[in-house]
Amino acid sequence: MYNTINEFIEEWRSEGASTQKLLDALTDSSLGQQVSPNDRTLGRIAWHVVTSIPVSVFGLTAEVAQDSVTIPSTAKEIAESFQKIRTAVLDTVSTQWTDASLNEVRSVFGMDMPLAVSLPLVIKHLIHHRGQMTVLMRQAGLKVPGVYGPAREEWAAIGLEAPKV
């Protein structure tokens, strides 16, 4: 739960940047990667990350909202769309919200709750899908950027072996 808008802004900046790193690492050929025919593709999950940001909660314009059904054919378009919505959320919250806004009740993921409670769900939703994406990225042969610490390739780049857990 957030007590101030600045708490959300700082976490949005950090988690949004981490999500952006993953989206920027995708390739067009990796978008079709999936665990099984019954599961979402990497492209579908990446696009879901973009389209599941609740634009109505943030009061964003229709220009920022994206069609959730039609997945773009390029990784670049997915990454650019996330950057656009990520920036729009930050701009809106920074310029139009106050700490009192956190008490406003809005519908997020089909549930009515105060923003102080629902905003952490938006962040956790990003994190959840980033985890799914990293597995599919590895399966697709992509280098996975480190998020909460160095990835295997980043350890190797500094001459160290990644810790075995």
Protein backbone atom coordinates (compact mmCIF):
# COMPACT_ATOMS: atom_id res chain seq x y z
CA MET A 1 0.00 0.00 0.00
CA TYR A 2 1.22 3.47 -0.83
CA ASN A 3 1.00 6.38 1.59
CA THR A 4 2.20 9.04 -0.86
CA ILE A 5 2.13 9.57 -4.60
CA ASN A 6 5.92 9.79 -4.56
CA GLU A 7 6.13 6.22 -3.22
CA PHE A 8 4.19 5.01 -6.23
CA ILE A 9 6.12 7.22 -8.66
CA GLU A 10 9.47 5.87 -7.48
CA GLU A 11 8.32 2.27 -7.71
CA TRP A 12 6.67 2.88 -11.10
CA ARG A 13 9.91 4.35 -12.42
CA SER A 14 11.96 1.41 -11.18
CA GLU A 15 9.62 -1.43 -12.12
CA GLY A 16 8.67 0.23 -15.39
CA ALA A 17 12.34 0.54 -16.34
CA SER A 18 12.91 -3.13 -15.51
CA THR A 19 9.93 -4.13 -17.63
CA GLN A 20 11.13 -1.89 -20.44
CA LYS A 21 14.54 -3.61 -20.41
CA LEU A 22 12.88 -6.97 -21.00
CA LEU A 23 10.60 -5.67 -23.72
CA ASP A 24 13.54 -3.96 -25.45
CA ALA A 25 15.41 -7.30 -25.48
CA LEU A 26 12.67 -9.11 -27.40
CA THR A 27 13.11 -9.94 -31.07
CA ASP A 28 10.47 -10.43 -33.70
CA SER A 29 11.33 -14.13 -33.96
CA SER A 30 11.02 -14.60 -30.18
CA LEU A 31 7.39 -13.41 -30.04
CA GLY A 32 6.06 -16.86 -31.01
CA GLN A 33 7.90 -18.68 -28.20
CA GLN A 34 5.58 -20.60 -25.88
CA VAL A 35 5.79 -23.41 -23.34
CA SER A 36 3.04 -25.40 -25.04
CA PRO A 37 0.24 -24.89 -27.56
CA ASN A 38 -2.11 -24.33 -24.60
CA ASP A 39 -0.10 -21.41 -23.22
CA ARG A 40 0.37 -17.78 -24.22
CA THR A 41 3.21 -16.89 -26.53
CA LEU A 42 5.93 -14.51 -25.43
CA GLY A 43 4.41 -11.91 -27.75
CA ARG A 44 0.95 -12.36 -26.19
CA ILE A 45 2.36 -11.97 -22.66
CA ALA A 46 4.40 -8.92 -23.66
CA TRP A 47 1.36 -7.34 -25.30
CA HIS A 48 -0.76 -8.21 -22.27
CA VAL A 49 1.72 -6.27 -20.11
CA VAL A 50 1.14 -3.24 -22.33
CA THR A 51 -2.64 -3.52 -22.62
CA SER A 52 -3.36 -4.46 -19.03
CA ILE A 53 -2.20 -1.12 -17.62
CA PRO A 54 -5.63 0.19 -16.53
CA VAL A 55 -5.75 3.40 -18.59
CA SER A 56 -9.12 4.38 -17.11
CA VAL A 57 -7.65 4.35 -13.59
CA PHE A 58 -4.94 6.73 -14.67
CA GLY A 59 -7.29 8.89 -16.73
CA LEU A 60 -5.27 8.33 -19.88
CA THR A 61 -6.52 9.22 -23.33
CA ALA A 62 -7.71 6.79 -25.95
CA GLU A 63 -4.49 7.52 -27.88
CA VAL A 64 -2.53 5.64 -25.22
CA ALA A 65 -4.95 2.71 -24.92
CA GLN A 66 -4.17 -0.23 -27.16
CA ASP A 67 -6.24 -2.99 -28.75
CA SER A 68 -5.61 -5.97 -26.48
CA VAL A 69 -6.64 -8.57 -29.07
CA THR A 70 -4.38 -7.71 -31.98
CA ILE A 71 -0.75 -8.41 -31.07
CA PRO A 72 1.74 -6.29 -32.99
CA SER A 73 3.96 -8.23 -35.38
CA THR A 74 7.15 -6.54 -34.20
CA ALA A 75 8.89 -6.51 -30.85
CA LYS A 76 9.80 -2.87 -31.42
CA GLU A 77 6.14 -1.86 -31.58
CA ILE A 78 5.40 -3.66 -28.31
CA ALA A 79 8.36 -2.01 -26.57
CA GLU A 80 7.47 1.43 -27.94
CA SER A 81 3.84 1.04 -26.86
CA PHE A 82 4.90 0.20 -23.32
CA GLN A 83 7.25 3.18 -23.24
CA LYS A 84 4.38 5.42 -24.34
CA ILE A 85 1.97 4.20 -21.67
CA ARG A 86 4.69 4.08 -19.01
CA THR A 87 5.48 7.74 -19.65
CA ALA A 88 1.80 8.72 -19.76
CA VAL A 89 1.16 7.10 -16.36
CA LEU A 90 4.14 8.89 -14.84
CA ASP A 91 3.14 12.25 -16.33
CA THR A 92 -0.48 11.92 -15.20
CA VAL A 93 0.28 10.83 -11.65
CA SER A 94 3.05 13.41 -11.25
CA THR A 95 1.01 16.36 -12.50
CA GLN A 96 -2.63 15.56 -11.74
CA TRP A 97 -2.68 13.48 -8.57
CA THR A 98 -2.05 14.41 -4.95
CA ASP A 99 -1.56 12.22 -1.92
CA ALA A 100 -5.31 12.57 -1.32
CA SER A 101 -5.90 10.82 -4.67
CA LEU A 102 -4.76 7.59 -3.04
CA ASN A 103 -8.06 7.51 -1.12
CA GLU A 104 -10.14 7.57 -4.32
CA VAL A 105 -11.95 4.32 -5.04
CA ARG A 106 -11.59 3.07 -8.61
CA SER A 107 -12.12 -0.20 -10.41
CA VAL A 108 -8.86 -2.05 -11.06
CA PHE A 109 -8.88 -5.55 -12.53
CA GLY A 110 -12.64 -5.65 -11.91
CA MET A 111 -12.41 -4.76 -8.21
CA ASP A 112 -13.37 -1.46 -6.56
CA MET A 113 -10.77 -0.32 -4.06
CA PRO A 114 -8.78 2.75 -3.02
CA LEU A 115 -5.84 3.60 -5.26
CA ALA A 116 -3.49 3.15 -2.29
CA VAL A 117 -4.46 -0.53 -2.35
CA SER A 118 -4.91 -1.11 -6.08
CA LEU A 119 -1.74 0.56 -7.38
CA PRO A 120 0.52 -2.09 -5.79
CA LEU A 121 -1.53 -4.69 -7.70
CA VAL A 122 -0.67 -2.95 -10.96
CA ILE A 123 3.03 -3.13 -10.05
CA LYS A 124 2.81 -6.78 -8.93
CA HIS A 125 1.03 -7.63 -12.17
CA LEU A 126 4.01 -6.28 -14.13
CA ILE A 127 6.42 -8.28 -11.99
CA HIS A 128 4.38 -11.47 -12.37
CA HIS A 129 4.43 -11.31 -16.14
CA ARG A 130 8.10 -10.32 -16.27
CA GLY A 131 8.87 -13.64 -14.59
CA GLN A 132 6.93 -15.51 -17.25
CA MET A 133 8.66 -13.54 -19.97
CA THR A 134 12.17 -14.30 -18.72
CA VAL A 135 11.55 -18.06 -18.92
CA LEU A 136 10.24 -17.78 -22.47
CA MET A 137 13.09 -15.45 -23.40
CA ARG A 138 15.62 -18.07 -22.25
CA GLN A 139 13.78 -20.74 -24.22
CA ALA A 140 13.89 -18.48 -27.29
CA GLY A 141 17.67 -18.13 -26.91
CA LEU A 142 17.61 -14.46 -25.91
CA LYS A 143 19.93 -12.86 -23.39
CA VAL A 144 17.83 -11.90 -20.40
CA PRO A 145 18.74 -8.56 -18.84
CA GLY A 146 19.21 -8.56 -15.09
CA VAL A 147 16.32 -7.10 -13.18
CA TYR A 148 16.98 -7.42 -9.45
CA GLY A 149 20.60 -8.33 -9.97
CA PRO A 150 22.88 -9.51 -12.75
CA ALA A 151 21.69 -12.15 -15.19
CA ARG A 152 23.98 -15.07 -16.08
CA GLU A 153 25.47 -13.22 -19.05
CA GLU A 154 26.09 -10.10 -16.97
CA TRP A 155 28.00 -12.15 -14.38
CA ALA A 156 30.10 -13.62 -17.19
CA ALA A 157 30.79 -10.15 -18.64
CA ILE A 158 32.49 -9.14 -15.39
CA GLY A 159 34.46 -12.39 -15.25
CA LEU A 160 32.40 -14.15 -12.61
CA GLU A 161 30.27 -17.27 -12.60
CA ALA A 162 26.62 -16.81 -11.74
CA PRO A 163 25.82 -18.19 -8.28
CA LYS A 164 24.21 -21.59 -8.33
CA VAL A 165 21.18 -21.62 -6.08
